[in-house]
Protein backbone atom coordinates (compact mmCIF):
# COMPACT_ATOMS: atom_id res chain seq x y z
CA MET A 1 0.00 0.00 0.00
CA LYS A 2 2.83 2.41 0.84
CA LYS A 3 4.48 1.74 -2.51
CA ARG A 4 1.24 2.59 -4.30
CA PHE A 5 0.88 5.77 -2.24
CA GLY A 6 4.48 6.80 -3.09
CA ILE A 7 3.95 6.21 -6.81
CA PHE A 8 0.69 8.19 -6.70
CA ASN A 9 2.46 11.11 -4.98
CA LEU A 10 5.27 11.04 -7.54
CA LEU A 11 2.84 11.07 -10.45
CA LEU A 12 0.81 13.86 -8.84
CA VAL A 13 3.92 16.01 -8.38
CA LEU A 14 5.04 15.38 -11.96
CA VAL A 15 1.62 16.26 -13.39
CA LEU A 16 1.42 19.44 -11.33
CA PHE A 17 4.96 20.42 -12.32
CA VAL A 18 4.25 19.96 -16.01
CA THR A 19 0.92 21.82 -15.93
CA ILE A 20 2.32 24.75 -13.95
CA ASN A 21 5.25 25.08 -16.36
CA ALA A 22 2.95 24.88 -19.37
CA ALA A 23 0.77 27.64 -17.92
CA GLY A 24 3.83 29.84 -17.39
CA ILE A 25 5.01 29.43 -20.96
CA ALA A 26 1.56 30.11 -22.41
CA GLN A 27 1.48 33.76 -21.35
CA THR A 28 1.29 36.46 -23.98
CA PRO A 29 4.32 38.74 -24.52
CA PRO A 30 4.18 42.30 -23.12
CA PRO A 31 2.88 45.07 -25.39
CA PRO A 32 5.38 47.24 -27.29
CA PRO A 33 6.41 50.61 -25.83
CA PRO A 34 4.44 53.72 -26.81
CA GLY A 35 5.24 55.39 -30.12
CA GLY A 36 7.04 58.39 -28.61
CA GLY A 37 9.84 56.33 -27.12
CA HIS A 38 11.07 56.33 -23.55
CA GLY A 39 12.79 59.67 -23.25
CA ILE A 40 12.07 63.26 -24.20
CA ALA A 41 14.67 63.33 -26.98
CA GLY A 42 13.78 60.00 -28.59
CA ASN A 43 14.15 56.37 -27.69
CA THR A 44 16.62 56.49 -24.79
CA PRO A 45 16.87 53.61 -22.30
CA PRO A 46 14.55 53.98 -19.29
CA GLY A 47 16.15 55.44 -16.17
CA SER A 48 19.28 56.71 -17.88
CA SER A 49 18.94 60.23 -16.50
CA ALA A 50 18.12 59.38 -12.87
CA PRO A 51 19.91 61.67 -10.36
CA ILE A 52 21.79 59.08 -8.31
CA GLY A 53 24.37 61.43 -6.79
CA GLU A 54 21.96 63.42 -4.61
CA GLY A 55 20.53 60.32 -2.98
CA MET A 56 24.00 58.93 -2.41
CA PHE A 57 25.11 62.07 -0.57
CA LEU A 58 21.99 61.89 1.56
CA LEU A 59 22.64 58.22 2.38
CA ILE A 60 26.28 58.87 3.27
CA GLY A 61 25.31 61.84 5.45
CA LEU A 62 22.66 59.85 7.33
CA ALA A 63 25.10 56.96 7.83
CA GLY A 64 27.67 59.39 9.26
CA MET A 65 25.11 60.87 11.64
CA TYR A 66 24.02 57.40 12.76
CA GLY A 67 27.62 56.33 13.32
CA SER A 68 28.46 59.45 15.33
CA LYS A 69 25.39 58.90 17.53
CA LYS A 70 26.46 55.29 18.17
CA VAL A 71 29.98 56.44 19.12
CA CYS A 72 28.59 59.14 21.40
CA ASP A 73 26.23 56.66 23.11
CA TYR A 74 29.09 54.19 23.57
CA ARG A 75 31.35 56.85 25.12
CA ASN A 76 28.60 57.92 27.53
CA GLU A 77 28.04 54.28 28.49
CA VAL A 78 31.75 53.74 29.16
CA LYS A 79 31.96 56.93 31.30
CA SER A 80 29.00 55.93 33.46
CA ALA A 81 30.23 52.36 34.01
């Protein structure tokens, strides 16, 4: 009985695997981009003019402030102990 149950489970898993994969392949492709292109001056790649530098300076500044607070808290803890 256990052998039959194991074979049934194996077949069930294989059937589910095949049907799920077939459903994933059967999807339609995405629609084409709009006629005007991605950018203002034509068909430029999306996200090519994102201002990364400003966010990086903000992240570095916040990390510095967090680190200085941790150092200050540690020094106060050492003084009181």
